Amino acid sequence: MKLTSANPYARLVLAIVISSIVALILAWVFAPLLAEALAKQMGYDTTQTEMPKILLLMDIVLSTLFFFIGSLLSIKIAKTKPYLAALGVSFVGWLVYFIEVRGLEGMLHSEYPLWYEFFPSHLGSGWVAASLVTANELPNTSSNITDNNSNEENLQNIPTPFFAVSTQKLIVMSLVTFNTYQVYWFYKNWKIIKARDASNISPVWRSVFGYFFCYPCFSLIRKFGQENSISGSIDAGLLAIGWIVAILLSKLPAGYFFLSSLSILFLVPVQQYVNKINTEIAPTHNRNSSYSTGNMVAIAIGGILILATILGLILKK
């Protein structure tokens, strides 16, 4: 049977089955291994008889993350009814776990704490995934997929002088990717600059070695704004110095390297000016303020790693 828009429910069931298998493999195989590796990295003894609480916490957050990814995958494959697609994966995961521990009696008399046994990781991950997708107006029903995609493509086809992204999204993605998104930000801007100026620069290398090329990038943005009579301006020199110093804080010992996240404070004024330029030159361009499936996966992974690190430091003390 061909899985097209004429068979949305068959596609939905297939999406739930495939995504549930992926989520279960990740949660059963990789979550315990990653949790143990992270606990050892933080200096916990995972060989003792009583299971360390940090190991149980990490197992929960990693399992939640993997079922969140599975729920997103199900929504992506199904292309319809996001809540059914996501919560279907949640239900399968919970049902398999319920059978594995031999029902309610097994959960109540388990060697693990009750908060671990009854933590709603399956249901919570599916609900959050569906809520995020719905909020960002990703595919909802098979009837409006074509129209939504067409409008998105039309917006993205409008060129802008520099990389368009909302300041909120820039901040969030920079924090959860531990500044990796900032490298991507430089790459996108240098790529646009290269195409506009027909130069032979390398956007990749200028992004990787941002220490040396952040000032030229900021300076070109300021120059473009001035040449096109865009109100306001930026201090390219001070912002570049501040960004470089903040990025260098990543070299500090463990527990302090998070200070490098302050680097985003020096990119925000630049992006605000870029958004003003883009709005003046291309008023109907795509503002890039919504979060794609890939963005949400990155947010989930980064958010959980940050939370796990903070919990690990607190519990260790």
Protein backbone atom coordinates (compact mmCIF):
# COMPACT_ATOMS: atom_id res chain seq x y z
CA MET A 1 0.00 0.00 0.00
CA LYS A 2 1.47 3.32 -1.12
CA LEU A 3 1.87 5.82 1.72
CA THR A 4 0.64 9.08 0.23
CA SER A 5 -1.70 11.79 1.44
CA ALA A 6 -4.55 9.39 0.56
CA ASN A 7 -3.42 7.10 3.38
CA PRO A 8 -2.56 9.52 6.22
CA TYR A 9 -3.39 7.05 8.98
CA ALA A 10 -1.28 4.28 7.47
CA ARG A 11 1.59 6.74 7.29
CA LEU A 12 0.90 7.81 10.88
CA VAL A 13 1.05 4.22 12.17
CA LEU A 14 4.24 3.53 10.22
CA ALA A 15 5.79 6.72 11.61
CA ILE A 16 4.97 5.70 15.18
CA VAL A 17 6.36 2.19 14.72
CA ILE A 18 9.64 3.28 13.10
CA SER A 19 10.21 6.17 15.52
CA SER A 20 9.39 4.03 18.57
CA ILE A 21 11.97 1.44 17.54
CA VAL A 22 14.60 4.18 17.08
CA ALA A 23 13.75 5.78 20.45
CA LEU A 24 13.79 2.45 22.31
CA ILE A 25 17.17 1.47 20.87
CA LEU A 26 18.64 4.85 21.84
CA ALA A 27 17.08 4.79 25.33
CA TRP A 28 17.96 1.17 26.13
CA VAL A 29 21.43 0.98 24.62
CA PHE A 30 22.97 4.44 24.52
CA ALA A 31 21.33 6.23 27.48
CA PRO A 32 22.84 3.94 30.18
CA LEU A 33 26.27 3.98 28.50
CA LEU A 34 26.30 7.77 28.11
CA ALA A 35 25.01 8.29 31.66
CA GLU A 36 27.77 6.11 33.10
CA ALA A 37 30.43 7.82 30.95
CA LEU A 38 29.27 11.30 32.04
CA ALA A 39 29.14 10.26 35.70
CA LYS A 40 32.70 8.91 35.51
CA GLN A 41 33.83 12.12 33.81
CA MET A 42 32.47 14.06 36.79
CA GLY A 43 34.38 11.86 39.21
CA TYR A 44 31.57 9.61 40.50
CA ASP A 45 32.17 5.98 41.38
CA THR A 46 29.76 3.95 39.25
CA THR A 47 31.00 0.60 40.59
CA GLN A 48 29.56 0.97 44.08
CA THR A 49 26.62 -1.23 45.16
CA GLU A 50 24.15 1.62 45.54
CA MET A 51 23.45 3.39 42.26
CA PRO A 52 24.58 7.05 42.44
CA LYS A 53 21.69 9.51 42.12
CA ILE A 54 23.54 11.42 39.42
CA LEU A 55 23.57 8.27 37.27
CA LEU A 56 19.82 7.83 37.66
CA LEU A 57 19.22 11.51 36.87
CA MET A 58 21.35 11.35 33.74
CA ASP A 59 19.62 8.17 32.63
CA ILE A 60 16.27 9.96 32.94
CA VAL A 61 17.33 13.10 31.07
CA LEU A 62 19.00 11.10 28.30
CA SER A 63 16.00 8.78 27.93
CA THR A 64 13.73 11.82 27.81
CA LEU A 65 15.97 13.35 25.15
CA PHE A 66 15.91 10.21 23.00
CA PHE A 67 12.12 9.91 23.18
CA PHE A 68 11.88 13.61 22.36
CA ILE A 69 13.97 12.95 19.23
CA GLY A 70 11.82 9.90 18.45
CA SER A 71 8.67 12.00 18.80
CA LEU A 72 10.04 14.65 16.43
CA LEU A 73 10.99 11.93 13.95
CA SER A 74 7.46 10.51 14.12
CA ILE A 75 5.94 13.95 13.46
CA LYS A 76 8.31 14.49 10.57
CA ILE A 77 7.43 11.15 8.94
CA ALA A 78 3.68 11.32 9.61
CA LYS A 79 3.25 14.91 8.33
CA THR A 80 -0.13 15.00 10.03
CA LYS A 81 -1.64 15.05 13.53
CA PRO A 82 1.55 15.93 15.48
CA TYR A 83 0.08 15.12 18.90
CA LEU A 84 -1.02 11.64 17.83
CA ALA A 85 2.33 11.02 16.12
CA ALA A 86 4.37 12.13 19.15
CA LEU A 87 2.21 10.69 21.91
CA GLY A 88 1.98 7.41 19.99
CA VAL A 89 5.75 7.04 20.43
CA SER A 90 5.36 8.02 24.10
CA PHE A 91 2.70 5.37 24.65
CA VAL A 92 4.74 2.62 22.96
CA GLY A 93 7.79 3.55 25.06
CA TRP A 94 5.79 3.56 28.29
CA LEU A 95 4.04 0.29 27.43
CA VAL A 96 7.31 -1.51 26.70
CA TYR A 97 8.79 -0.20 29.96
CA PHE A 98 5.66 -1.17 31.91
CA ILE A 99 5.90 -4.74 30.59
CA GLU A 100 9.66 -4.87 31.18
CA VAL A 101 9.36 -4.01 34.90
CA ARG A 102 6.38 -6.42 35.29
CA GLY A 103 3.68 -3.88 35.79
CA LEU A 104 2.75 -1.61 38.67
CA GLU A 105 3.87 -4.10 41.32
CA GLY A 106 7.34 -4.21 39.80
CA MET A 107 7.56 -0.42 39.79
CA LEU A 108 6.46 -0.17 43.43
CA HIS A 109 8.92 -2.84 44.62
CA SER A 110 11.85 -1.87 42.41
CA GLU A 111 15.39 -1.47 43.73
CA TYR A 112 15.33 2.05 42.33
CA PRO A 113 13.64 5.10 43.94
CA LEU A 114 9.97 5.78 43.14
CA TRP A 115 10.79 9.15 41.58
CA TYR A 116 12.95 7.30 39.07
CA GLU A 117 10.35 4.64 38.29
CA PHE A 118 7.42 7.04 37.92
CA PHE A 119 9.16 9.94 36.18
CA PRO A 120 6.96 10.83 33.14
CA SER A 121 9.83 10.92 30.65
CA HIS A 122 7.86 9.20 27.87
CA LEU A 123 4.70 11.27 28.09
CA GLY A 124 6.55 14.52 28.78
CA SER A 125 8.91 14.23 25.83
CA GLY A 126 6.09 13.50 23.38
CA TRP A 127 3.92 16.33 24.65
CA VAL A 128 6.75 18.87 24.51
CA ALA A 129 7.77 17.79 21.00
CA ALA A 130 4.22 18.11 19.66
CA SER A 131 3.71 21.46 21.42
CA LEU A 132 6.91 22.89 19.94
CA VAL A 133 6.08 21.72 16.44
CA THR A 134 2.55 23.09 16.65
CA ALA A 135 3.78 26.41 18.03
CA ASN A 136 6.23 26.78 15.16
CA GLU A 137 3.57 25.88 12.58
CA LEU A 138 5.46 22.91 11.17
CA PRO A 139 3.43 20.39 9.10
CA ASN A 140 0.04 19.95 10.78
CA THR A 141 -2.22 18.23 8.24
CA SER A 142 -1.73 16.75 4.85
CA SER A 143 -4.09 19.33 3.33
CA ASN A 144 -2.00 22.40 4.09
CA ILE A 145 1.55 21.06 3.71
CA THR A 146 1.91 22.32 0.14
CA ASP A 147 0.70 25.84 0.93
CA ASN A 148 2.92 26.20 4.01
CA ASN A 149 6.03 24.95 2.21
CA SER A 150 5.30 27.19 -0.79
CA ASN A 151 5.02 30.32 1.38
CA GLU A 152 8.20 29.43 3.27
CA GLU A 153 10.12 28.90 0.03
CA ASN A 154 8.87 32.21 -1.41
CA LEU A 155 10.07 34.05 1.68
CA GLN A 156 13.46 32.34 1.70
CA ASN A 157 13.98 33.20 -1.98
CA ILE A 158 14.11 36.90 -1.12
CA PRO A 159 17.83 37.74 -0.75
CA THR A 160 19.03 39.83 2.17
CA PRO A 161 22.26 41.85 2.52
CA PHE A 162 23.26 39.77 5.55
CA PHE A 163 22.19 36.64 7.45
CA ALA A 164 18.65 37.01 8.76
CA VAL A 165 17.87 35.57 12.20
CA SER A 166 15.91 36.93 15.14
CA THR A 167 17.99 38.01 18.13
CA GLN A 168 16.03 35.65 20.37
CA LYS A 169 16.85 32.67 18.17
CA LEU A 170 20.49 33.76 17.91
CA ILE A 171 20.79 33.86 21.71
CA VAL A 172 19.02 30.54 22.30
CA MET A 173 20.92 28.64 19.61
CA SER A 174 24.27 30.09 20.70
CA LEU A 175 23.72 29.04 24.31
CA VAL A 176 22.52 25.49 23.64
CA THR A 177 25.23 24.79 21.03
CA PHE A 178 28.00 26.18 23.25
CA ASN A 179 28.75 28.99 20.74
CA THR A 180 28.88 26.67 17.71
CA TYR A 181 25.93 28.53 16.22
CA GLN A 182 28.07 31.67 16.22
CA VAL A 183 30.51 29.96 13.84
CA TYR A 184 27.52 29.18 11.63
CA TRP A 185 26.43 32.84 11.92
CA PHE A 186 29.81 34.06 10.65
CA TYR A 187 29.77 31.47 7.87
CA LYS A 188 26.35 32.57 6.60
CA ASN A 189 27.36 36.23 6.61
CA TRP A 190 30.69 35.62 4.86
CA LYS A 191 28.94 33.45 2.28
CA ILE A 192 26.50 36.28 1.45
CA ILE A 193 29.33 38.83 1.35
CA LYS A 194 31.37 36.62 -0.98
CA ALA A 195 28.45 36.24 -3.41
CA ARG A 196 27.63 39.97 -3.38
CA ASP A 197 31.22 41.15 -3.84
CA ALA A 198 32.19 38.28 -6.21
CA SER A 199 35.36 37.82 -4.13
CA ASN A 200 37.50 34.70 -3.66
CA ILE A 201 37.40 34.66 0.16
CA SER A 202 36.75 31.41 2.02
CA PRO A 203 33.64 31.68 4.25
CA VAL A 204 34.59 28.45 6.02
CA TRP A 205 38.06 29.54 7.12
CA ARG A 206 36.90 33.05 8.01
CA SER A 207 34.28 31.47 10.24
CA VAL A 208 36.59 28.97 11.91
CA PHE A 209 39.21 31.66 12.58
CA GLY A 210 36.72 34.20 13.85
CA TYR A 211 39.36 35.74 16.10
CA PHE A 212 41.01 37.31 13.05
CA PHE A 213 37.97 38.00 10.89
CA CYS A 214 35.21 39.14 13.28
CA TYR A 215 36.28 42.79 12.99
CA PRO A 216 36.30 42.78 9.14
CA CYS A 217 32.83 41.21 9.22
CA PHE A 218 31.44 43.76 11.68
CA SER A 219 33.13 46.56 9.76
CA LEU A 220 31.58 45.49 6.43
CA ILE A 221 28.15 45.39 8.05
CA ARG A 222 28.62 48.91 9.42
CA LYS A 223 29.93 50.16 6.08
CA PHE A 224 26.97 48.69 4.19
CA GLY A 225 24.53 50.34 6.59
CA GLN A 226 26.21 53.73 6.23
CA GLU A 227 26.32 53.50 2.42
CA ASN A 228 22.61 52.74 2.33
CA SER A 229 21.67 55.45 4.86
CA ILE A 230 20.44 52.98 7.48
CA SER A 231 19.80 54.74 10.79
CA GLY A 232 22.04 53.85 13.70
CA SER A 233 25.40 52.11 13.63
CA ILE A 234 27.68 49.75 15.56
CA ASP A 235 31.12 50.12 17.10
CA ALA A 236 32.84 47.36 15.15
CA GLY A 237 36.13 47.67 17.04
CA LEU A 238 34.78 47.46 20.59
CA LEU A 239 32.32 44.68 19.72
CA ALA A 240 35.09 42.65 18.06
CA ILE A 241 37.41 43.06 21.06
CA GLY A 242 34.63 42.10 23.47
CA TRP A 243 33.69 39.04 21.40
CA ILE A 244 37.30 37.81 21.17
CA VAL A 245 37.90 38.22 24.91
CA ALA A 246 34.65 36.40 25.75
CA ILE A 247 35.45 33.51 23.39
CA LEU A 248 38.90 33.14 24.97
CA LEU A 249 37.19 32.49 28.32
CA SER A 250 36.42 29.00 26.96
CA LYS A 251 40.06 28.16 27.77
CA LEU A 252 39.36 28.51 31.51
CA PRO A 253 39.24 25.39 33.74
CA ALA A 254 36.13 23.23 33.94
CA GLY A 255 33.31 25.00 35.75
CA TYR A 256 34.28 28.41 34.35
CA PHE A 257 34.33 27.80 30.60
CA PHE A 258 30.60 28.64 30.48
CA LEU A 259 31.65 32.27 30.81
CA SER A 260 32.48 32.15 27.10
CA SER A 261 28.71 32.20 26.53
CA LEU A 262 28.95 35.93 27.28
CA SER A 263 30.26 36.30 23.73
CA ILE A 264 26.66 36.41 22.50
CA LEU A 265 26.29 39.81 24.19
CA PHE A 266 28.65 41.24 21.56
CA LEU A 267 26.86 39.65 18.61
CA VAL A 268 23.37 40.81 19.57
CA PRO A 269 24.00 44.52 18.75
CA VAL A 270 25.45 43.46 15.39
CA GLN A 271 22.44 41.28 14.60
CA GLN A 272 20.03 44.01 15.65
CA TYR A 273 21.70 46.34 13.15
CA VAL A 274 21.71 43.58 10.51
CA ASN A 275 17.98 43.05 11.04
CA LYS A 276 17.42 46.77 10.55
CA ILE A 277 19.43 46.68 7.30
CA ASN A 278 17.59 43.60 6.04
CA THR A 279 14.21 45.15 6.83
CA GLU A 280 15.05 48.35 4.94
CA ILE A 281 16.50 46.58 1.89
CA ALA A 282 14.17 43.53 1.77
CA PRO A 283 11.03 44.36 3.79
CA THR A 284 9.25 41.04 3.09
CA HIS A 285 12.19 38.70 3.76
CA ASN A 286 11.96 35.67 6.05
CA ARG A 287 12.90 36.85 9.58
CA ASN A 288 14.09 33.33 10.52
CA SER A 289 12.51 33.49 13.95
CA SER A 290 10.95 30.02 14.10
CA TYR A 291 12.76 26.84 15.11
CA SER A 292 13.21 23.93 12.72
CA THR A 293 13.21 20.28 13.77
CA GLY A 294 17.01 20.34 13.75
CA ASN A 295 17.00 23.46 15.94
CA MET A 296 14.69 21.79 18.46
CA VAL A 297 16.86 18.68 18.63
CA ALA A 298 19.89 20.90 19.27
CA ILE A 299 17.98 22.77 21.98
CA ALA A 300 16.99 19.50 23.63
CA ILE A 301 20.51 18.05 23.54
CA GLY A 302 22.21 21.27 24.62
CA GLY A 303 19.65 22.03 27.31
CA ILE A 304 19.95 18.58 28.84
CA LEU A 305 23.77 18.69 28.76
CA ILE A 306 23.72 22.05 30.51
CA LEU A 307 21.21 20.79 33.09
CA ALA A 308 23.17 17.58 33.65
CA THR A 309 26.39 19.52 34.16
CA ILE A 310 24.79 21.88 36.66
CA LEU A 311 23.13 19.02 38.57
CA GLY A 312 26.41 17.09 38.56
CA LEU A 313 28.32 20.01 40.06
CA ILE A 314 25.62 20.61 42.70
CA LEU A 315 25.33 16.94 43.73
CA LYS A 316 29.10 16.52 43.79
CA LYS A 317 29.39 19.37 46.27
